[in-house]
Amino acid sequence: MDIRIKMESAYVTRSSAFIEYMKLHLLSLEQDLEKNPESINVIDIPGQIEATRHILSVALDIMARSERI
């Protein structure tokens, strides 16, 4: 196996793992907000949710683009 293919495969695996982490993090934030809507005053959970959605969207777009190459 070519070293470049091996490196690209490792990159995709790590990238996929990070994307799965972001999905779980987003789910956790959404559940926290559902369970405790008053937490809006303690920490900015809605802001964290929006930021996580944005980062996840960008990561998924990058992954989709790299698969088309």
PDB file of N, CA and C in Angstrom:
ATOM      1  N   MET A   1       0.834  -1.181   0.000  1.00  0.00           N
ATOM      2  CA  MET A   1       0.000   0.000   0.000  1.00  0.00           C
ATOM      3  C   MET A   1       0.883   1.250   0.000  1.00  0.00           C
ATOM      4  N   ASP A   2       0.578   2.157  -0.853  1.00  0.00           N
ATOM      5  CA  ASP A   2       1.269   3.433  -0.976  1.00  0.00           C
ATOM      6  C   ASP A   2       1.131   4.222   0.338  1.00  0.00           C
ATOM      7  N   ILE A   3       2.198   4.864   0.794  1.00  0.00           N
ATOM      8  CA  ILE A   3       2.192   5.622   2.057  1.00  0.00           C
ATOM      9  C   ILE A   3       1.178   6.759   2.000  1.00  0.00           C
ATOM     10  N   ARG A   4       1.004   7.357   0.826  1.00  0.00           N
ATOM     11  CA  ARG A   4       0.035   8.458   0.682  1.00  0.00           C
ATOM     12  C   ARG A   4      -1.382   7.950   0.943  1.00  0.00           C
ATOM     13  N   ILE A   5      -1.714   6.799   0.398  1.00  0.00           N
ATOM     14  CA  ILE A   5      -3.046   6.224   0.614  1.00  0.00           C
ATOM     15  C   ILE A   5      -3.237   5.905   2.088  1.00  0.00           C
ATOM     16  N   LYS A   6      -2.201   5.378   2.720  1.00  0.00           N
ATOM     17  CA  LYS A   6      -2.254   5.058   4.142  1.00  0.00           C
ATOM     18  C   LYS A   6      -2.498   6.321   4.966  1.00  0.00           C
ATOM     19  N   MET A   7      -1.799   7.397   4.631  1.00  0.00           N
ATOM     20  CA  MET A   7      -1.949   8.654   5.355  1.00  0.00           C
ATOM     21  C   MET A   7      -3.331   9.250   5.142  1.00  0.00           C
ATOM     22  N   GLU A   8      -3.837   9.194   3.915  1.00  0.00           N
ATOM     23  CA  GLU A   8      -5.173   9.719   3.629  1.00  0.00           C
ATOM     24  C   GLU A   8      -6.226   8.906   4.374  1.00  0.00           C
ATOM     25  N   SER A   9      -6.048   7.611   4.437  1.00  0.00           N
ATOM     26  CA  SER A   9      -6.983   6.751   5.151  1.00  0.00           C
ATOM     27  C   SER A   9      -7.002   7.093   6.640  1.00  0.00           C
ATOM     28  N   ALA A  10      -5.839   7.315   7.230  1.00  0.00           N
ATOM     29  CA  ALA A  10      -5.751   7.684   8.641  1.00  0.00           C
ATOM     30  C   ALA A  10      -6.405   9.034   8.870  1.00  0.00           C
ATOM     31  N   TYR A  11      -6.207   9.963   7.924  1.00  0.00           N
ATOM     32  CA  TYR A  11      -6.808  11.296   8.038  1.00  0.00           C
ATOM     33  C   TYR A  11      -8.323  11.192   8.031  1.00  0.00           C
ATOM     34  N   VAL A  12      -8.879  10.427   7.106  1.00  0.00           N
ATOM     35  CA  VAL A  12     -10.335  10.267   7.022  1.00  0.00           C
ATOM     36  C   VAL A  12     -10.864   9.633   8.301  1.00  0.00           C
ATOM     37  N   THR A  13     -10.177   8.661   8.835  1.00  0.00           N
ATOM     38  CA  THR A  13     -10.609   8.009  10.061  1.00  0.00           C
ATOM     39  C   THR A  13     -10.631   9.001  11.222  1.00  0.00           C
ATOM     40  N   ARG A  14      -9.575   9.782  11.366  1.00  0.00           N
ATOM     41  CA  ARG A  14      -9.529  10.783  12.447  1.00  0.00           C
ATOM     42  C   ARG A  14     -10.578  11.853  12.231  1.00  0.00           C
ATOM     43  N   SER A  15     -10.750  12.288  10.992  1.00  0.00           N
ATOM     44  CA  SER A  15     -11.753  13.310  10.688  1.00  0.00           C
ATOM     45  C   SER A  15     -13.145  12.795  10.991  1.00  0.00           C
ATOM     46  N   SER A  16     -13.424  11.572  10.614  1.00  0.00           N
ATOM     47  CA  SER A  16     -14.730  10.975  10.882  1.00  0.00           C
ATOM     48  C   SER A  16     -14.981  10.873  12.376  1.00  0.00           C
ATOM     49  N   ALA A  17     -13.951  10.512  13.127  1.00  0.00           N
ATOM     50  CA  ALA A  17     -14.089  10.406  14.578  1.00  0.00           C
ATOM     51  C   ALA A  17     -14.387  11.776  15.180  1.00  0.00           C
ATOM     52  N   PHE A  18     -13.734  12.815  14.682  1.00  0.00           N
ATOM     53  CA  PHE A  18     -13.972  14.162  15.194  1.00  0.00           C
ATOM     54  C   PHE A  18     -15.396  14.613  14.868  1.00  0.00           C
ATOM     55  N   ILE A  19     -15.858  14.311  13.678  1.00  0.00           N
ATOM     56  CA  ILE A  19     -17.233  14.666  13.295  1.00  0.00           C
ATOM     57  C   ILE A  19     -18.231  13.937  14.195  1.00  0.00           C
ATOM     58  N   GLU A  20     -17.990  12.674  14.469  1.00  0.00           N
ATOM     59  CA  GLU A  20     -18.887  11.936  15.365  1.00  0.00           C
ATOM     60  C   GLU A  20     -18.868  12.541  16.768  1.00  0.00           C
ATOM     61  N   TYR A  21     -17.700  12.984  17.219  1.00  0.00           N
ATOM     62  CA  TYR A  21     -17.612  13.658  18.515  1.00  0.00           C
ATOM     63  C   TYR A  21     -18.461  14.926  18.508  1.00  0.00           C
ATOM     64  N   MET A  22     -18.364  15.721  17.441  1.00  0.00           N
ATOM     65  CA  MET A  22     -19.143  16.963  17.368  1.00  0.00           C
ATOM     66  C   MET A  22     -20.644  16.673  17.389  1.00  0.00           C
ATOM     67  N   LYS A  23     -21.061  15.612  16.719  1.00  0.00           N
ATOM     68  CA  LYS A  23     -22.482  15.239  16.723  1.00  0.00           C
ATOM     69  C   LYS A  23     -22.943  14.891  18.139  1.00  0.00           C
ATOM     70  N   LEU A  24     -22.126  14.133  18.854  1.00  0.00           N
ATOM     71  CA  LEU A  24     -22.465  13.772  20.234  1.00  0.00           C
ATOM     72  C   LEU A  24     -22.466  15.001  21.143  1.00  0.00           C
ATOM     73  N   HIS A  25     -21.511  15.881  20.950  1.00  0.00           N
ATOM     74  CA  HIS A  25     -21.436  17.110  21.740  1.00  0.00           C
ATOM     75  C   HIS A  25     -22.689  17.964  21.513  1.00  0.00           C
ATOM     76  N   LEU A  26     -23.114  18.080  20.269  1.00  0.00           N
ATOM     77  CA  LEU A  26     -24.313  18.842  19.939  1.00  0.00           C
ATOM     78  C   LEU A  26     -25.538  18.222  20.596  1.00  0.00           C
ATOM     79  N   LEU A  27     -25.662  16.918  20.502  1.00  0.00           N
ATOM     80  CA  LEU A  27     -26.785  16.214  21.137  1.00  0.00           C
ATOM     81  C   LEU A  27     -26.794  16.459  22.641  1.00  0.00           C
ATOM     82  N   SER A  28     -25.632  16.400  23.258  1.00  0.00           N
ATOM     83  CA  SER A  28     -25.517  16.629  24.692  1.00  0.00           C
ATOM     84  C   SER A  28     -25.957  18.049  25.069  1.00  0.00           C
ATOM     85  N   LEU A  29     -25.528  19.033  24.290  1.00  0.00           N
ATOM     86  CA  LEU A  29     -25.931  20.416  24.548  1.00  0.00           C
ATOM     87  C   LEU A  29     -27.440  20.580  24.413  1.00  0.00           C
ATOM     88  N   GLU A  30     -28.010  19.992  23.367  1.00  0.00           N
ATOM     89  CA  GLU A  30     -29.457  20.095  23.148  1.00  0.00           C
ATOM     90  C   GLU A  30     -30.231  19.438  24.292  1.00  0.00           C
ATOM     91  N   GLN A  31     -29.751  18.291  24.771  1.00  0.00           N
ATOM     92  CA  GLN A  31     -30.396  17.622  25.897  1.00  0.00           C
ATOM     93  C   GLN A  31     -30.267  18.454  27.171  1.00  0.00           C
ATOM     94  N   ASP A  32     -29.104  19.054  27.393  1.00  0.00           N
ATOM     95  CA  ASP A  32     -28.914  19.920  28.560  1.00  0.00           C
ATOM     96  C   ASP A  32     -29.916  21.067  28.546  1.00  0.00           C
ATOM     97  N   LEU A  33     -30.108  21.657  27.382  1.00  0.00           N
ATOM     98  CA  LEU A  33     -31.032  22.789  27.270  1.00  0.00           C
ATOM     99  C   LEU A  33     -32.472  22.340  27.494  1.00  0.00           C
ATOM    100  N   GLU A  34     -32.844  21.164  26.961  1.00  0.00           N
ATOM    101  CA  GLU A  34     -34.198  20.629  27.171  1.00  0.00           C
ATOM    102  C   GLU A  34     -34.469  20.380  28.648  1.00  0.00           C
ATOM    103  N   LYS A  35     -33.500  19.795  29.336  1.00  0.00           N
ATOM    104  CA  LYS A  35     -33.668  19.440  30.749  1.00  0.00           C
ATOM    105  C   LYS A  35     -33.676  20.662  31.656  1.00  0.00           C
ATOM    106  N   ASN A  36     -32.978  21.707  31.258  1.00  0.00           N
ATOM    107  CA  ASN A  36     -32.836  22.863  32.123  1.00  0.00           C
ATOM    108  C   ASN A  36     -32.850  24.154  31.297  1.00  0.00           C
ATOM    109  N   PRO A  37     -34.038  24.561  30.830  1.00  0.00           N
ATOM    110  CA  PRO A  37     -34.107  25.768  30.000  1.00  0.00           C
ATOM    111  C   PRO A  37     -33.600  27.021  30.712  1.00  0.00           C
ATOM    112  N   GLU A  38     -33.647  27.030  32.036  1.00  0.00           N
ATOM    113  CA  GLU A  38     -33.160  28.185  32.787  1.00  0.00           C
ATOM    114  C   GLU A  38     -31.649  28.333  32.691  1.00  0.00           C
ATOM    115  N   SER A  39     -30.978  27.291  32.243  1.00  0.00           N
ATOM    116  CA  SER A  39     -29.520  27.346  32.148  1.00  0.00           C
ATOM    117  C   SER A  39     -29.061  28.405  31.153  1.00  0.00           C
ATOM    118  N   ILE A  40     -30.004  28.959  30.398  1.00  0.00           N
ATOM    119  CA  ILE A  40     -29.672  30.025  29.455  1.00  0.00           C
ATOM    120  C   ILE A  40     -29.010  31.181  30.203  1.00  0.00           C
ATOM    121  N   ASN A  41     -29.441  31.400  31.449  1.00  0.00           N
ATOM    122  CA  ASN A  41     -28.897  32.508  32.227  1.00  0.00           C
ATOM    123  C   ASN A  41     -27.539  32.179  32.845  1.00  0.00           C
ATOM    124  N   VAL A  42     -27.202  30.911  32.945  1.00  0.00           N
ATOM    125  CA  VAL A  42     -25.952  30.507  33.582  1.00  0.00           C
ATOM    126  C   VAL A  42     -24.816  30.461  32.556  1.00  0.00           C
ATOM    127  N   ILE A  43     -25.024  29.701  31.500  1.00  0.00           N
ATOM    128  CA  ILE A  43     -24.067  29.644  30.390  1.00  0.00           C
ATOM    129  C   ILE A  43     -24.851  29.747  29.094  1.00  0.00           C
ATOM    130  N   ASP A  44     -24.203  30.131  28.048  1.00  0.00           N
ATOM    131  CA  ASP A  44     -24.886  30.358  26.775  1.00  0.00           C
ATOM    132  C   ASP A  44     -25.004  29.057  25.975  1.00  0.00           C
ATOM    133  N   ILE A  45     -25.890  28.162  26.446  1.00  0.00           N
ATOM    134  CA  ILE A  45     -26.055  26.891  25.734  1.00  0.00           C
ATOM    135  C   ILE A  45     -26.578  27.113  24.312  1.00  0.00           C
ATOM    136  N   PRO A  46     -27.577  27.982  24.091  1.00  0.00           N
ATOM    137  CA  PRO A  46     -28.007  28.198  22.699  1.00  0.00           C
ATOM    138  C   PRO A  46     -26.856  28.671  21.795  1.00  0.00           C
ATOM    139  N   GLY A  47     -25.980  29.508  22.313  1.00  0.00           N
ATOM    140  CA  GLY A  47     -24.820  29.959  21.534  1.00  0.00           C
ATOM    141  C   GLY A  47     -23.862  28.824  21.241  1.00  0.00           C
ATOM    142  N   GLN A  48     -23.667  27.959  22.234  1.00  0.00           N
ATOM    143  CA  GLN A  48     -22.792  26.800  22.027  1.00  0.00           C
ATOM    144  C   GLN A  48     -23.389  25.857  20.990  1.00  0.00           C
ATOM    145  N   ILE A  49     -24.718  25.688  21.040  1.00  0.00           N
ATOM    146  CA  ILE A  49     -25.393  24.826  20.058  1.00  0.00           C
ATOM    147  C   ILE A  49     -25.195  25.394  18.655  1.00  0.00           C
ATOM    148  N   GLU A  50     -25.415  26.693  18.494  1.00  0.00           N
ATOM    149  CA  GLU A  50     -25.259  27.325  17.181  1.00  0.00           C
ATOM    150  C   GLU A  50     -23.826  27.199  16.674  1.00  0.00           C
ATOM    151  N   ALA A  51     -22.852  27.433  17.543  1.00  0.00           N
ATOM    152  CA  ALA A  51     -21.448  27.324  17.154  1.00  0.00           C
ATOM    153  C   ALA A  51     -21.095  25.891  16.757  1.00  0.00           C
ATOM    154  N   THR A  52     -21.578  24.917  17.515  1.00  0.00           N
ATOM    155  CA  THR A  52     -21.295  23.514  17.206  1.00  0.00           C
ATOM    156  C   THR A  52     -21.940  23.117  15.887  1.00  0.00           C
ATOM    157  N   ARG A  53     -23.169  23.572  15.654  1.00  0.00           N
ATOM    158  CA  ARG A  53     -23.827  23.283  14.365  1.00  0.00           C
ATOM    159  C   ARG A  53     -23.013  23.855  13.210  1.00  0.00           C
ATOM    160  N   HIS A  54     -22.493  25.064  13.384  1.00  0.00           N
ATOM    161  CA  HIS A  54     -21.700  25.695  12.321  1.00  0.00           C
ATOM    162  C   HIS A  54     -20.415  24.902  12.049  1.00  0.00           C
ATOM    163  N   ILE A  55     -19.681  24.567  13.106  1.00  0.00           N
ATOM    164  CA  ILE A  55     -18.427  23.826  12.937  1.00  0.00           C
ATOM    165  C   ILE A  55     -18.698  22.464  12.299  1.00  0.00           C
ATOM    166  N   LEU A  56     -19.759  21.792  12.738  1.00  0.00           N
ATOM    167  CA  LEU A  56     -20.122  20.492  12.175  1.00  0.00           C
ATOM    168  C   LEU A  56     -20.473  20.626  10.701  1.00  0.00           C
ATOM    169  N   SER A  57     -21.213  21.657  10.349  1.00  0.00           N
ATOM    170  CA  SER A  57     -21.593  21.887   8.955  1.00  0.00           C
ATOM    171  C   SER A  57     -20.364  22.103   8.076  1.00  0.00           C
ATOM    172  N   VAL A  58     -19.441  22.919   8.539  1.00  0.00           N
ATOM    173  CA  VAL A  58     -18.214  23.172   7.775  1.00  0.00           C
ATOM    174  C   VAL A  58     -17.403  21.888   7.629  1.00  0.00           C
ATOM    175  N   ALA A  59     -17.267  21.133   8.716  1.00  0.00           N
ATOM    176  CA  ALA A  59     -16.497  19.875   8.662  1.00  0.00           C
ATOM    177  C   ALA A  59     -17.134  18.893   7.682  1.00  0.00           C
ATOM    178  N   LEU A  60     -18.447  18.782   7.702  1.00  0.00           N
ATOM    179  CA  LEU A  60     -19.129  17.865   6.776  1.00  0.00           C
ATOM    180  C   LEU A  60     -18.964  18.323   5.329  1.00  0.00           C
ATOM    181  N   ASP A  61     -19.020  19.630   5.092  1.00  0.00           N
ATOM    182  CA  ASP A  61     -18.801  20.161   3.742  1.00  0.00           C
ATOM    183  C   ASP A  61     -17.385  19.844   3.255  1.00  0.00           C
ATOM    184  N   ILE A  62     -16.406  20.018   4.131  1.00  0.00           N
ATOM    185  CA  ILE A  62     -15.013  19.713   3.773  1.00  0.00           C
ATOM    186  C   ILE A  62     -14.867  18.233   3.453  1.00  0.00           C
ATOM    187  N   MET A  63     -15.452  17.381   4.274  1.00  0.00           N
ATOM    188  CA  MET A  63     -15.366  15.933   4.039  1.00  0.00           C
ATOM    189  C   MET A  63     -16.035  15.566   2.707  1.00  0.00           C
ATOM    190  N   ALA A  64     -17.194  16.153   2.429  1.00  0.00           N
ATOM    191  CA  ALA A  64     -17.903  15.859   1.179  1.00  0.00           C
ATOM    192  C   ALA A  64     -17.074  16.311  -0.024  1.00  0.00           C
ATOM    193  N   ARG A  65     -16.450  17.471   0.086  1.00  0.00           N
ATOM    194  CA  ARG A  65     -15.618  17.982  -0.992  1.00  0.00           C
ATOM    195  C   ARG A  65     -14.418  17.075  -1.234  1.00  0.00           C
ATOM    196  N   SER A  66     -13.796  16.594  -0.166  1.00  0.00           N
ATOM    197  CA  SER A  66     -12.602  15.755  -0.325  1.00  0.00           C
ATOM    198  C   SER A  66     -12.958  14.395  -0.909  1.00  0.00           C
ATOM    199  N   GLU A  67     -14.183  13.933  -0.698  1.00  0.00           N
ATOM    200  CA  GLU A  67     -14.600  12.647  -1.268  1.00  0.00           C
ATOM    201  C   GLU A  67     -14.833  12.764  -2.770  1.00  0.00           C
ATOM    202  N   ARG A  68     -15.173  13.972  -3.241  1.00  0.00           N
ATOM    203  CA  ARG A  68     -15.424  14.171  -4.675  1.00  0.00           C
ATOM    204  C   ARG A  68     -14.149  14.309  -5.481  1.00  0.00           C
ATOM    205  N   ILE A  69     -13.052  14.582  -4.809  1.00  0.00           N
ATOM    206  CA  ILE A  69     -11.771  14.815  -5.506  1.00  0.00           C
ATOM    207  C   ILE A  69     -11.222  13.532  -6.059  1.00  0.00           C
TER     208      ILE A  69
END
